[in-house]
Amino acid sequence: MCGRSIRSPRRISRGPSRRRLRSKRSLGPLLQRRETVEHPFGTIKQWMNQGAFVTRDLENVRGEFSLTALAYNIRRVLNITTFAELMAAVQS
């Protein structure tokens, strides 16, 4: 429902496309996206206190997010391997 008036709201009908979106066939890609894409962003926001960007300009925001993504990736590597293995891989 849309509109400003509570008494006579406007209804928007999407018809067959809504049924297509809720079908079992379309749930597969949605669930896969939730697993692969949204998990890192949720982790960054929660664990690294990165709810909003500190910088303003698009170039600065890109740099800030690049540093955050680098920290996230290093943290993931350290959870998977040991620090000694990471240093051996970096030196080789």
PDB file of N, CA and C in Angstrom:
ATOM      1  N   MET A   1       0.831  -1.176   0.000  1.00  0.00           N
ATOM      2  CA  MET A   1       0.000   0.000   0.000  1.00  0.00           C
ATOM      3  C   MET A   1       0.878   1.242   0.000  1.00  0.00           C
ATOM      4  N   CYS A   2       0.433   2.233  -0.685  1.00  0.00           N
ATOM      5  CA  CYS A   2       1.150   3.495  -0.774  1.00  0.00           C
ATOM      6  C   CYS A   2       0.194   4.631  -0.454  1.00  0.00           C
ATOM      7  N   GLY A   3       0.745   5.763  -0.299  1.00  0.00           N
ATOM      8  CA  GLY A   3      -0.080   6.952  -0.141  1.00  0.00           C
ATOM      9  C   GLY A   3       0.025   7.550   1.232  1.00  0.00           C
ATOM     10  N   ARG A   4      -0.416   8.754   1.319  1.00  0.00           N
ATOM     11  CA  ARG A   4      -0.317   9.471   2.588  1.00  0.00           C
ATOM     12  C   ARG A   4      -1.565   9.279   3.446  1.00  0.00           C
ATOM     13  N   SER A   5      -2.673   9.023   2.804  1.00  0.00           N
ATOM     14  CA  SER A   5      -3.926   8.916   3.528  1.00  0.00           C
ATOM     15  C   SER A   5      -4.099   7.504   4.082  1.00  0.00           C
ATOM     16  N   ILE A   6      -4.434   7.403   5.335  1.00  0.00           N
ATOM     17  CA  ILE A   6      -4.658   6.107   5.951  1.00  0.00           C
ATOM     18  C   ILE A   6      -6.009   5.540   5.504  1.00  0.00           C
ATOM     19  N   ARG A   7      -6.956   6.390   5.255  1.00  0.00           N
ATOM     20  CA  ARG A   7      -8.314   5.951   4.907  1.00  0.00           C
ATOM     21  C   ARG A   7      -8.415   5.388   3.500  1.00  0.00           C
ATOM     22  N   SER A   8      -7.703   5.945   2.566  1.00  0.00           N
ATOM     23  CA  SER A   8      -7.810   5.460   1.180  1.00  0.00           C
ATOM     24  C   SER A   8      -6.420   5.244   0.587  1.00  0.00           C
ATOM     25  N   PRO A   9      -5.711   4.201   1.026  1.00  0.00           N
ATOM     26  CA  PRO A   9      -4.374   3.950   0.473  1.00  0.00           C
ATOM     27  C   PRO A   9      -4.478   3.404  -0.953  1.00  0.00           C
ATOM     28  N   ARG A  10      -3.440   3.647  -1.706  1.00  0.00           N
ATOM     29  CA  ARG A  10      -3.363   3.167  -3.071  1.00  0.00           C
ATOM     30  C   ARG A  10      -2.675   1.813  -3.056  1.00  0.00           C
ATOM     31  N   ARG A  11      -3.181   0.847  -3.782  1.00  0.00           N
ATOM     32  CA  ARG A  11      -2.586  -0.487  -3.834  1.00  0.00           C
ATOM     33  C   ARG A  11      -1.855  -0.665  -5.157  1.00  0.00           C
ATOM     34  N   ILE A  12      -0.678  -1.250  -5.073  1.00  0.00           N
ATOM     35  CA  ILE A  12       0.092  -1.545  -6.278  1.00  0.00           C
ATOM     36  C   ILE A  12       0.129  -3.053  -6.430  1.00  0.00           C
ATOM     37  N   SER A  13      -0.293  -3.547  -7.558  1.00  0.00           N
ATOM     38  CA  SER A  13      -0.326  -4.981  -7.813  1.00  0.00           C
ATOM     39  C   SER A  13       0.782  -5.337  -8.785  1.00  0.00           C
ATOM     40  N   ARG A  14       1.514  -6.377  -8.473  1.00  0.00           N
ATOM     41  CA  ARG A  14       2.599  -6.801  -9.346  1.00  0.00           C
ATOM     42  C   ARG A  14       2.247  -8.074 -10.101  1.00  0.00           C
ATOM     43  N   GLY A  15       1.193  -8.750  -9.711  1.00  0.00           N
ATOM     44  CA  GLY A  15       0.670  -9.891 -10.438  1.00  0.00           C
ATOM     45  C   GLY A  15       1.639 -11.038 -10.576  1.00  0.00           C
ATOM     46  N   PRO A  16       1.832 -11.545 -11.809  1.00  0.00           N
ATOM     47  CA  PRO A  16       2.627 -12.754 -12.021  1.00  0.00           C
ATOM     48  C   PRO A  16       4.087 -12.605 -11.605  1.00  0.00           C
ATOM     49  N   SER A  17       4.641 -11.406 -11.687  1.00  0.00           N
ATOM     50  CA  SER A  17       6.052 -11.248 -11.330  1.00  0.00           C
ATOM     51  C   SER A  17       6.286 -11.518  -9.859  1.00  0.00           C
ATOM     52  N   ARG A  18       5.332 -11.201  -8.990  1.00  0.00           N
ATOM     53  CA  ARG A  18       5.479 -11.483  -7.562  1.00  0.00           C
ATOM     54  C   ARG A  18       5.511 -12.993  -7.327  1.00  0.00           C
ATOM     55  N   ARG A  19       4.657 -13.730  -8.034  1.00  0.00           N
ATOM     56  CA  ARG A  19       4.657 -15.194  -7.884  1.00  0.00           C
ATOM     57  C   ARG A  19       5.977 -15.776  -8.363  1.00  0.00           C
ATOM     58  N   ARG A  20       6.526 -15.212  -9.446  1.00  0.00           N
ATOM     59  CA  ARG A  20       7.810 -15.686  -9.959  1.00  0.00           C
ATOM     60  C   ARG A  20       8.923 -15.462  -8.957  1.00  0.00           C
ATOM     61  N   LEU A  21       8.895 -14.318  -8.273  1.00  0.00           N
ATOM     62  CA  LEU A  21       9.933 -14.010  -7.290  1.00  0.00           C
ATOM     63  C   LEU A  21       9.884 -14.942  -6.088  1.00  0.00           C
ATOM     64  N   ARG A  22       8.703 -15.408  -5.752  1.00  0.00           N
ATOM     65  CA  ARG A  22       8.552 -16.265  -4.575  1.00  0.00           C
ATOM     66  C   ARG A  22       8.595 -17.748  -4.908  1.00  0.00           C
ATOM     67  N   SER A  23       8.836 -18.106  -6.151  1.00  0.00           N
ATOM     68  CA  SER A  23       8.854 -19.506  -6.540  1.00  0.00           C
ATOM     69  C   SER A  23      10.122 -20.176  -6.008  1.00  0.00           C
ATOM     70  N   LYS A  24      10.082 -21.498  -5.940  1.00  0.00           N
ATOM     71  CA  LYS A  24      11.234 -22.251  -5.434  1.00  0.00           C
ATOM     72  C   LYS A  24      12.437 -22.108  -6.362  1.00  0.00           C
ATOM     73  N   ARG A  25      12.177 -21.960  -7.667  1.00  0.00           N
ATOM     74  CA  ARG A  25      13.264 -21.850  -8.629  1.00  0.00           C
ATOM     75  C   ARG A  25      14.078 -20.576  -8.440  1.00  0.00           C
ATOM     76  N   SER A  26      13.419 -19.509  -8.023  1.00  0.00           N
ATOM     77  CA  SER A  26      14.128 -18.238  -7.856  1.00  0.00           C
ATOM     78  C   SER A  26      14.778 -18.113  -6.484  1.00  0.00           C
ATOM     79  N   LEU A  27      14.465 -19.009  -5.551  1.00  0.00           N
ATOM     80  CA  LEU A  27      15.064 -18.936  -4.219  1.00  0.00           C
ATOM     81  C   LEU A  27      16.520 -19.376  -4.216  1.00  0.00           C
ATOM     82  N   GLY A  28      16.919 -20.265  -5.116  1.00  0.00           N
ATOM     83  CA  GLY A  28      18.294 -20.763  -5.152  1.00  0.00           C
ATOM     84  C   GLY A  28      19.327 -19.658  -5.279  1.00  0.00           C
ATOM     85  N   PRO A  29      19.232 -18.836  -6.320  1.00  0.00           N
ATOM     86  CA  PRO A  29      20.207 -17.748  -6.458  1.00  0.00           C
ATOM     87  C   PRO A  29      20.160 -16.750  -5.301  1.00  0.00           C
ATOM     88  N   LEU A  30      18.981 -16.511  -4.759  1.00  0.00           N
ATOM     89  CA  LEU A  30      18.862 -15.580  -3.640  1.00  0.00           C
ATOM     90  C   LEU A  30      19.591 -16.112  -2.413  1.00  0.00           C
ATOM     91  N   LEU A  31      19.391 -17.383  -2.110  1.00  0.00           N
ATOM     92  CA  LEU A  31      20.065 -17.975  -0.955  1.00  0.00           C
ATOM     93  C   LEU A  31      21.577 -18.027  -1.159  1.00  0.00           C
ATOM     94  N   GLN A  32      22.002 -18.333  -2.389  1.00  0.00           N
ATOM     95  CA  GLN A  32      23.440 -18.366  -2.665  1.00  0.00           C
ATOM     96  C   GLN A  32      24.046 -16.978  -2.512  1.00  0.00           C
ATOM     97  N   ARG A  33      23.341 -15.946  -2.948  1.00  0.00           N
ATOM     98  CA  ARG A  33      23.842 -14.582  -2.811  1.00  0.00           C
ATOM     99  C   ARG A  33      23.965 -14.201  -1.344  1.00  0.00           C
ATOM    100  N   ARG A  34      22.984 -14.599  -0.548  1.00  0.00           N
ATOM    101  CA  ARG A  34      23.059 -14.301   0.886  1.00  0.00           C
ATOM    102  C   ARG A  34      24.293 -14.925   1.519  1.00  0.00           C
ATOM    103  N   GLU A  35      24.622 -16.149   1.092  1.00  0.00           N
ATOM    104  CA  GLU A  35      25.765 -16.846   1.675  1.00  0.00           C
ATOM    105  C   GLU A  35      27.092 -16.249   1.237  1.00  0.00           C
ATOM    106  N   THR A  36      27.201 -15.865  -0.030  1.00  0.00           N
ATOM    107  CA  THR A  36      28.506 -15.478  -0.550  1.00  0.00           C
ATOM    108  C   THR A  36      28.782 -13.987  -0.487  1.00  0.00           C
ATOM    109  N   VAL A  37      27.783 -13.161  -0.685  1.00  0.00           N
ATOM    110  CA  VAL A  37      28.020 -11.723  -0.799  1.00  0.00           C
ATOM    111  C   VAL A  37      27.750 -10.986   0.496  1.00  0.00           C
ATOM    112  N   GLU A  38      26.644 -11.257   1.117  1.00  0.00           N
ATOM    113  CA  GLU A  38      26.229 -10.439   2.248  1.00  0.00           C
ATOM    114  C   GLU A  38      26.970 -10.763   3.536  1.00  0.00           C
ATOM    115  N   HIS A  39      27.539 -11.952   3.655  1.00  0.00           N
ATOM    116  CA  HIS A  39      28.250 -12.310   4.884  1.00  0.00           C
ATOM    117  C   HIS A  39      29.462 -11.414   5.151  1.00  0.00           C
ATOM    118  N   PRO A  40      30.346 -11.164   4.177  1.00  0.00           N
ATOM    119  CA  PRO A  40      31.487 -10.283   4.469  1.00  0.00           C
ATOM    120  C   PRO A  40      31.072  -8.872   4.878  1.00  0.00           C
ATOM    121  N   PHE A  41      30.027  -8.332   4.248  1.00  0.00           N
ATOM    122  CA  PHE A  41      29.611  -6.979   4.588  1.00  0.00           C
ATOM    123  C   PHE A  41      29.032  -6.926   6.001  1.00  0.00           C
ATOM    124  N   GLY A  42      28.280  -7.942   6.390  1.00  0.00           N
ATOM    125  CA  GLY A  42      27.758  -7.996   7.757  1.00  0.00           C
ATOM    126  C   GLY A  42      28.883  -8.127   8.770  1.00  0.00           C
ATOM    127  N   THR A  43      29.878  -8.933   8.442  1.00  0.00           N
ATOM    128  CA  THR A  43      31.024  -9.112   9.326  1.00  0.00           C
ATOM    129  C   THR A  43      31.803  -7.817   9.464  1.00  0.00           C
ATOM    130  N   ILE A  44      32.012  -7.124   8.356  1.00  0.00           N
ATOM    131  CA  ILE A  44      32.743  -5.856   8.395  1.00  0.00           C
ATOM    132  C   ILE A  44      31.992  -4.851   9.260  1.00  0.00           C
ATOM    133  N   LYS A  45      30.688  -4.772   9.088  1.00  0.00           N
ATOM    134  CA  LYS A  45      29.911  -3.799   9.856  1.00  0.00           C
ATOM    135  C   LYS A  45      29.904  -4.128  11.340  1.00  0.00           C
ATOM    136  N   GLN A  46      29.791  -5.410  11.674  1.00  0.00           N
ATOM    137  CA  GLN A  46      29.649  -5.775  13.084  1.00  0.00           C
ATOM    138  C   GLN A  46      30.999  -5.877  13.796  1.00  0.00           C
ATOM    139  N   TRP A  47      31.927  -6.644  13.272  1.00  0.00           N
ATOM    140  CA  TRP A  47      33.184  -6.900  13.960  1.00  0.00           C
ATOM    141  C   TRP A  47      34.155  -5.744  13.875  1.00  0.00           C
ATOM    142  N   MET A  48      34.123  -5.012  12.781  1.00  0.00           N
ATOM    143  CA  MET A  48      35.121  -3.968  12.577  1.00  0.00           C
ATOM    144  C   MET A  48      34.555  -2.576  12.810  1.00  0.00           C
ATOM    145  N   ASN A  49      33.357  -2.489  13.340  1.00  0.00           N
ATOM    146  CA  ASN A  49      32.727  -1.197  13.644  1.00  0.00           C
ATOM    147  C   ASN A  49      32.723  -0.267  12.432  1.00  0.00           C
ATOM    148  N   GLN A  50      32.397  -0.815  11.279  1.00  0.00           N
ATOM    149  CA  GLN A  50      32.439  -0.045  10.047  1.00  0.00           C
ATOM    150  C   GLN A  50      31.020   0.199   9.540  1.00  0.00           C
ATOM    151  N   GLY A  51      30.174   0.803  10.379  1.00  0.00           N
ATOM    152  CA  GLY A  51      28.798   1.045   9.987  1.00  0.00           C
ATOM    153  C   GLY A  51      28.662   2.120   8.935  1.00  0.00           C
ATOM    154  N   ALA A  52      29.430   3.164   9.028  1.00  0.00           N
ATOM    155  CA  ALA A  52      29.365   4.260   8.057  1.00  0.00           C
ATOM    156  C   ALA A  52      30.790   4.689   7.721  1.00  0.00           C
ATOM    157  N   PHE A  53      30.945   5.292   6.572  1.00  0.00           N
ATOM    158  CA  PHE A  53      32.267   5.749   6.163  1.00  0.00           C
ATOM    159  C   PHE A  53      32.608   7.062   6.842  1.00  0.00           C
ATOM    160  N   VAL A  54      33.879   7.231   7.165  1.00  0.00           N
ATOM    161  CA  VAL A  54      34.344   8.430   7.839  1.00  0.00           C
ATOM    162  C   VAL A  54      34.651   9.522   6.813  1.00  0.00           C
ATOM    163  N   THR A  55      35.164   9.112   5.660  1.00  0.00           N
ATOM    164  CA  THR A  55      35.550  10.075   4.633  1.00  0.00           C
ATOM    165  C   THR A  55      34.356  10.461   3.767  1.00  0.00           C
ATOM    166  N   ARG A  56      34.526  11.480   2.930  1.00  0.00           N
ATOM    167  CA  ARG A  56      33.415  12.020   2.139  1.00  0.00           C
ATOM    168  C   ARG A  56      33.504  11.728   0.645  1.00  0.00           C
ATOM    169  N   ASP A  57      34.575  12.070   0.008  1.00  0.00           N
ATOM    170  CA  ASP A  57      34.713  11.983  -1.437  1.00  0.00           C
ATOM    171  C   ASP A  57      34.684  10.519  -1.885  1.00  0.00           C
ATOM    172  N   LEU A  58      34.187  10.247  -3.101  1.00  0.00           N
ATOM    173  CA  LEU A  58      34.084   8.880  -3.594  1.00  0.00           C
ATOM    174  C   LEU A  58      35.448   8.195  -3.639  1.00  0.00           C
ATOM    175  N   GLU A  59      36.459   8.917  -4.066  1.00  0.00           N
ATOM    176  CA  GLU A  59      37.802   8.343  -4.117  1.00  0.00           C
ATOM    177  C   GLU A  59      38.294   7.985  -2.710  1.00  0.00           C
ATOM    178  N   ASN A  60      38.022   8.835  -1.740  1.00  0.00           N
ATOM    179  CA  ASN A  60      38.426   8.561  -0.361  1.00  0.00           C
ATOM    180  C   ASN A  60      37.644   7.395   0.228  1.00  0.00           C
ATOM    181  N   VAL A  61      36.368   7.302  -0.093  1.00  0.00           N
ATOM    182  CA  VAL A  61      35.548   6.184   0.393  1.00  0.00           C
ATOM    183  C   VAL A  61      36.055   4.882  -0.199  1.00  0.00           C
ATOM    184  N   ARG A  62      36.418   4.911  -1.471  1.00  0.00           N
ATOM    185  CA  ARG A  62      36.988   3.703  -2.086  1.00  0.00           C
ATOM    186  C   ARG A  62      38.272   3.278  -1.373  1.00  0.00           C
ATOM    187  N   GLY A  63      39.120   4.246  -1.060  1.00  0.00           N
ATOM    188  CA  GLY A  63      40.346   3.936  -0.331  1.00  0.00           C
ATOM    189  C   GLY A  63      40.060   3.393   1.057  1.00  0.00           C
ATOM    190  N   GLU A  64      39.095   3.999   1.746  1.00  0.00           N
ATOM    191  CA  GLU A  64      38.735   3.536   3.085  1.00  0.00           C
ATOM    192  C   GLU A  64      38.185   2.108   3.036  1.00  0.00           C
ATOM    193  N   PHE A  65      37.321   1.830   2.058  1.00  0.00           N
ATOM    194  CA  PHE A  65      36.780   0.482   1.963  1.00  0.00           C
ATOM    195  C   PHE A  65      37.849  -0.518   1.545  1.00  0.00           C
ATOM    196  N   SER A  66      38.783  -0.100   0.703  1.00  0.00           N
ATOM    197  CA  SER A  66      39.874  -0.995   0.307  1.00  0.00           C
ATOM    198  C   SER A  66      40.703  -1.412   1.514  1.00  0.00           C
ATOM    199  N   LEU A  67      40.983  -0.467   2.402  1.00  0.00           N
ATOM    200  CA  LEU A  67      41.732  -0.800   3.619  1.00  0.00           C
ATOM    201  C   LEU A  67      40.925  -1.730   4.523  1.00  0.00           C
ATOM    202  N   THR A  68      39.630  -1.479   4.619  1.00  0.00           N
ATOM    203  CA  THR A  68      38.768  -2.333   5.433  1.00  0.00           C
ATOM    204  C   THR A  68      38.712  -3.741   4.854  1.00  0.00           C
ATOM    205  N   ALA A  69      38.577  -3.855   3.526  1.00  0.00           N
ATOM    206  CA  ALA A  69      38.541  -5.166   2.877  1.00  0.00           C
ATOM    207  C   ALA A  69      39.873  -5.897   3.045  1.00  0.00           C
ATOM    208  N   LEU A  70      40.972  -5.160   2.977  1.00  0.00           N
ATOM    209  CA  LEU A  70      42.287  -5.768   3.194  1.00  0.00           C
ATOM    210  C   LEU A  70      42.400  -6.316   4.615  1.00  0.00           C
ATOM    211  N   ALA A  71      41.960  -5.540   5.590  1.00  0.00           N
ATOM    212  CA  ALA A  71      41.990  -6.009   6.980  1.00  0.00           C
ATOM    213  C   ALA A  71      41.104  -7.233   7.166  1.00  0.00           C
ATOM    214  N   TYR A  72      39.935  -7.230   6.525  1.00  0.00           N
ATOM    215  CA  TYR A  72      39.034  -8.382   6.608  1.00  0.00           C
ATOM    216  C   TYR A  72      39.687  -9.619   6.007  1.00  0.00           C
ATOM    217  N   ASN A  73      40.314  -9.459   4.841  1.00  0.00           N
ATOM    218  CA  ASN A  73      40.946 -10.606   4.175  1.00  0.00           C
ATOM    219  C   ASN A  73      42.124 -11.146   4.972  1.00  0.00           C
ATOM    220  N   ILE A  74      42.926 -10.260   5.555  1.00  0.00           N
ATOM    221  CA  ILE A  74      44.048 -10.718   6.387  1.00  0.00           C
ATOM    222  C   ILE A  74      43.527 -11.454   7.613  1.00  0.00           C
ATOM    223  N   ARG A  75      42.489 -10.948   8.185  1.00  0.00           N
ATOM    224  CA  ARG A  75      41.893 -11.615   9.351  1.00  0.00           C
ATOM    225  C   ARG A  75      41.374 -13.004   8.985  1.00  0.00           C
ATOM    226  N   ARG A  76      40.748 -13.131   7.804  1.00  0.00           N
ATOM    227  CA  ARG A  76      40.259 -14.433   7.349  1.00  0.00           C
ATOM    228  C   ARG A  76      41.425 -15.399   7.126  1.00  0.00           C
ATOM    229  N   VAL A  77      42.502 -14.900   6.520  1.00  0.00           N
ATOM    230  CA  VAL A  77      43.656 -15.763   6.281  1.00  0.00           C
ATOM    231  C   VAL A  77      44.230 -16.251   7.603  1.00  0.00           C
ATOM    232  N   LEU A  78      44.308 -15.371   8.587  1.00  0.00           N
ATOM    233  CA  LEU A  78      44.865 -15.763   9.882  1.00  0.00           C
ATOM    234  C   LEU A  78      43.959 -16.738  10.619  1.00  0.00           C
ATOM    235  N   ASN A  79      42.669 -16.728  10.334  1.00  0.00           N
ATOM    236  CA  ASN A  79      41.766 -17.718  10.918  1.00  0.00           C
ATOM    237  C   ASN A  79      41.927 -19.072  10.248  1.00  0.00           C
ATOM    238  N   ILE A  80      42.348 -19.071   8.993  1.00  0.00           N
ATOM    239  CA  ILE A  80      42.493 -20.324   8.254  1.00  0.00           C
ATOM    240  C   ILE A  80      43.881 -20.924   8.460  1.00  0.00           C
ATOM    241  N   THR A  81      44.930 -20.106   8.445  1.00  0.00           N
ATOM    242  CA  THR A  81      46.301 -20.593   8.596  1.00  0.00           C
ATOM    243  C   THR A  81      46.937 -19.956   9.829  1.00  0.00           C
ATOM    244  N   THR A  82      48.183 -20.314  10.054  1.00  0.00           N
ATOM    245  CA  THR A  82      48.922 -19.706  11.164  1.00  0.00           C
ATOM    246  C   THR A  82      49.718 -18.510  10.645  1.00  0.00           C
ATOM    247  N   PHE A  83      50.198 -17.708  11.555  1.00  0.00           N
ATOM    248  CA  PHE A  83      50.977 -16.539  11.172  1.00  0.00           C
ATOM    249  C   PHE A  83      52.279 -16.943  10.486  1.00  0.00           C
ATOM    250  N   ALA A  84      52.900 -18.016  10.943  1.00  0.00           N
ATOM    251  CA  ALA A  84      54.154 -18.495  10.336  1.00  0.00           C
ATOM    252  C   ALA A  84      53.915 -18.916   8.879  1.00  0.00           C
ATOM    253  N   GLU A  85      52.822 -19.604   8.608  1.00  0.00           N
ATOM    254  CA  GLU A  85      52.515 -20.005   7.243  1.00  0.00           C
ATOM    255  C   GLU A  85      52.242 -18.799   6.360  1.00  0.00           C
ATOM    256  N   LEU A  86      51.584 -17.792   6.901  1.00  0.00           N
ATOM    257  CA  LEU A  86      51.306 -16.574   6.146  1.00  0.00           C
ATOM    258  C   LEU A  86      52.625 -15.860   5.796  1.00  0.00           C
ATOM    259  N   MET A  87      53.523 -15.744   6.743  1.00  0.00           N
ATOM    260  CA  MET A  87      54.797 -15.067   6.492  1.00  0.00           C
ATOM    261  C   MET A  87      55.643 -15.855   5.483  1.00  0.00           C
ATOM    262  N   ALA A  88      55.606 -17.192   5.553  1.00  0.00           N
ATOM    263  CA  ALA A  88      56.343 -18.004   4.576  1.00  0.00           C
ATOM    264  C   ALA A  88      55.779 -17.809   3.179  1.00  0.00           C
ATOM    265  N   ALA A  89      54.460 -17.694   3.062  1.00  0.00           N
ATOM    266  CA  ALA A  89      53.841 -17.474   1.747  1.00  0.00           C
ATOM    267  C   ALA A  89      54.170 -16.074   1.216  1.00  0.00           C
ATOM    268  N   VAL A  90      54.232 -15.095   2.087  1.00  0.00           N
ATOM    269  CA  VAL A  90      54.538 -13.722   1.659  1.00  0.00           C
ATOM    270  C   VAL A  90      55.983 -13.626   1.188  1.00  0.00           C
ATOM    271  N   GLN A  91      56.910 -14.312   1.867  1.00  0.00           N
ATOM    272  CA  GLN A  91      58.327 -14.230   1.523  1.00  0.00           C
ATOM    273  C   GLN A  91      58.667 -15.009   0.256  1.00  0.00           C
ATOM    274  N   SER A  92      57.854 -15.980  -0.099  1.00  0.00           N
ATOM    275  CA  SER A  92      58.169 -16.788  -1.290  1.00  0.00           C
ATOM    276  C   SER A  92      57.655 -16.167  -2.569  1.00  0.00           C
TER     277      SER A  92
END
